[in-house]
Amino acid sequence: MTTRKDFQAVSGNPHLSTSHPYRHPTRRVLLIDDEAPLRRVTQLTLKITAGWEVWGAASGKEGVQQAELEQPDVILLDLMMPDVDGLSTLKMLQDNPKTQPIPIILLTAKIQTNPQLKLQYPAIKAVLVKPFDPTTLAQEIKKTLNWI
């Protein structure tokens, strides 16, 4: 079994890694969403379809802590959560120099979102409406972030 220390850094990014020189790099995704079933389905789908390392946070506060500690390649952030909502979480991520450069894809059940959000927060790369198709999620993320 390959352990984290067995991975080699790719392109100077210690988080973009491959355990074998002929394999594609592994991406690291943080999913911040209070819905446990959605976190499980998304984690499993992205792992199976793209081979990515995906972990979840059940709250905004937990997500900000994990983002700072783990430095993922992208954050999938639910807008509607209890306690600390997605916009408050987004603000905390953007105010923190350690998490500010991490690209963010918002997840929302609302069909309409404020178009000014992307202007106000340049880290927002896309807004995906829930429920989304888990079988195409990895492709949507790759296309959004030019990982193709």
Protein backbone atom coordinates (compact mmCIF):
# COMPACT_ATOMS: atom_id res chain seq x y z
CA MET A 1 0.00 0.00 0.00
CA THR A 2 1.29 3.44 -0.92
CA THR A 3 1.66 5.87 1.94
CA ARG A 4 1.67 9.65 1.79
CA LYS A 5 5.48 9.78 2.23
CA ASP A 6 5.90 7.51 -0.83
CA PHE A 7 4.55 10.21 -3.13
CA GLN A 8 6.82 12.46 -5.15
CA ALA A 9 6.12 16.15 -5.70
CA VAL A 10 5.11 17.14 -9.24
CA SER A 11 5.80 20.54 -10.83
CA GLY A 12 7.04 22.04 -7.57
CA ASN A 13 3.66 21.56 -5.88
CA PRO A 14 4.08 19.28 -2.85
CA HIS A 15 0.35 18.50 -2.96
CA LEU A 16 0.24 17.54 -6.63
CA SER A 17 1.86 14.15 -6.47
CA THR A 18 2.20 10.76 -8.09
CA SER A 19 3.35 7.50 -6.57
CA HIS A 20 4.56 6.22 -9.91
CA PRO A 21 6.26 8.18 -12.72
CA TYR A 22 3.77 6.91 -15.34
CA ARG A 23 0.60 7.72 -13.40
CA HIS A 24 -1.33 10.95 -13.57
CA PRO A 25 -1.02 13.36 -10.63
CA THR A 26 -3.36 13.06 -7.70
CA ARG A 27 -5.46 16.11 -6.91
CA ARG A 28 -6.54 16.95 -3.38
CA VAL A 29 -10.10 18.16 -2.84
CA LEU A 30 -11.74 19.50 0.31
CA LEU A 31 -15.53 19.30 0.38
CA ILE A 32 -17.20 21.57 2.96
CA ASP A 33 -20.85 20.55 3.27
CA ASP A 34 -23.10 19.79 6.24
CA GLU A 35 -24.92 16.97 4.41
CA ALA A 36 -23.12 13.70 5.26
CA PRO A 37 -24.70 11.64 2.43
CA LEU A 38 -23.63 14.23 -0.16
CA ARG A 39 -20.09 14.26 1.26
CA ARG A 40 -19.88 10.45 1.06
CA VAL A 41 -21.23 10.23 -2.51
CA THR A 42 -18.98 13.07 -3.71
CA GLN A 43 -15.89 11.62 -2.01
CA LEU A 44 -16.49 8.18 -3.46
CA THR A 45 -17.33 9.48 -6.94
CA LEU A 46 -14.26 11.72 -7.24
CA LYS A 47 -12.02 8.96 -5.91
CA ILE A 48 -13.39 6.38 -8.36
CA THR A 49 -13.78 8.56 -11.46
CA ALA A 50 -10.66 10.72 -11.08
CA GLY A 51 -8.46 9.00 -8.50
CA TRP A 52 -8.43 12.14 -6.37
CA GLU A 53 -7.89 12.34 -2.64
CA VAL A 54 -11.08 13.85 -1.22
CA TRP A 55 -11.93 14.59 2.37
CA GLY A 56 -14.88 16.35 3.91
CA ALA A 57 -15.69 18.89 6.57
CA ALA A 58 -19.17 19.06 8.11
CA SER A 59 -19.01 22.77 8.98
CA GLY A 60 -17.48 26.00 7.80
CA LYS A 61 -15.27 26.28 10.85
CA GLU A 62 -13.94 22.74 10.44
CA GLY A 63 -13.43 23.36 6.72
CA VAL A 64 -11.35 26.50 7.27
CA GLN A 65 -9.14 24.61 9.75
CA GLN A 66 -8.67 21.69 7.34
CA ALA A 67 -7.96 24.01 4.41
CA GLU A 68 -5.27 25.81 6.37
CA LEU A 69 -3.69 22.56 7.54
CA GLU A 70 -4.00 20.45 4.37
CA GLN A 71 -3.77 23.06 1.57
CA PRO A 72 -6.05 21.30 -0.96
CA ASP A 73 -5.90 21.96 -4.71
CA VAL A 74 -9.57 23.05 -4.68
CA ILE A 75 -12.38 23.57 -2.17
CA LEU A 76 -15.97 22.57 -2.92
CA LEU A 77 -18.05 24.79 -0.63
CA ASP A 78 -21.77 24.53 0.14
CA LEU A 79 -23.42 27.93 0.48
CA MET A 80 -26.25 26.89 2.79
CA MET A 81 -25.02 25.44 6.08
CA PRO A 82 -26.16 25.96 9.67
CA ASP A 83 -24.06 27.95 12.14
CA VAL A 84 -21.39 29.35 9.81
CA ASP A 85 -22.88 29.59 6.31
CA GLY A 86 -20.97 29.26 3.06
CA LEU A 87 -20.51 33.00 2.49
CA SER A 88 -19.09 33.47 5.99
CA THR A 89 -16.81 30.48 5.40
CA LEU A 90 -15.75 31.94 2.06
CA LYS A 91 -14.89 35.24 3.74
CA MET A 92 -12.80 33.43 6.40
CA LEU A 93 -10.94 31.50 3.66
CA GLN A 94 -10.26 34.68 1.70
CA ASP A 95 -9.14 36.63 4.78
CA ASN A 96 -6.58 33.95 5.67
CA PRO A 97 -3.28 34.31 3.74
CA LYS A 98 -2.74 30.52 3.93
CA THR A 99 -6.08 29.67 2.26
CA GLN A 100 -6.69 32.77 0.14
CA PRO A 101 -5.05 31.40 -3.07
CA ILE A 102 -7.00 28.10 -3.04
CA PRO A 103 -9.62 28.01 -5.83
CA ILE A 104 -13.21 27.54 -4.68
CA ILE A 105 -16.21 25.99 -6.40
CA LEU A 106 -19.49 26.87 -4.73
CA LEU A 107 -22.27 24.31 -4.33
CA THR A 108 -25.81 25.59 -3.92
CA ALA A 109 -29.40 24.39 -4.07
CA LYS A 110 -30.44 27.83 -5.30
CA ILE A 111 -30.89 28.13 -9.04
CA GLN A 112 -30.02 31.83 -8.93
CA THR A 113 -26.89 33.08 -7.21
CA ASN A 114 -25.60 36.60 -6.99
CA PRO A 115 -23.38 37.19 -10.06
CA GLN A 116 -21.43 39.75 -8.03
CA LEU A 117 -20.00 36.94 -5.86
CA LYS A 118 -17.41 36.03 -8.49
CA LEU A 119 -16.38 39.67 -8.78
CA GLN A 120 -16.19 40.12 -5.02
CA TYR A 121 -14.30 36.85 -4.45
CA PRO A 122 -11.89 36.05 -7.32
CA ALA A 123 -11.17 32.62 -5.79
CA ILE A 124 -14.66 31.51 -6.87
CA LYS A 125 -14.13 29.63 -10.10
CA ALA A 126 -17.64 28.22 -10.59
CA VAL A 127 -21.04 27.74 -9.01
CA LEU A 128 -22.59 24.27 -9.28
CA VAL A 129 -26.28 23.75 -8.60
CA LYS A 130 -27.27 20.83 -6.37
CA PRO A 131 -28.25 18.20 -7.04
CA PHE A 132 -25.41 17.77 -9.51
CA ASP A 133 -24.56 14.69 -11.55
CA PRO A 134 -21.82 12.92 -9.58
CA THR A 135 -20.70 11.02 -12.68
CA THR A 136 -19.70 14.25 -14.45
CA LEU A 137 -18.47 16.20 -11.41
CA ALA A 138 -14.78 15.39 -11.92
CA GLN A 139 -14.96 16.50 -15.56
CA GLU A 140 -16.69 19.75 -14.56
CA ILE A 141 -14.00 20.48 -11.98
CA LYS A 142 -11.20 19.64 -14.43
CA LYS A 143 -12.72 21.89 -17.09
CA THR A 144 -13.32 24.76 -14.64
CA LEU A 145 -9.76 24.66 -13.30
CA ASN A 146 -8.07 23.83 -16.62
CA TRP A 147 -6.83 20.49 -15.28
CA ILE A 148 -7.57 18.76 -18.60
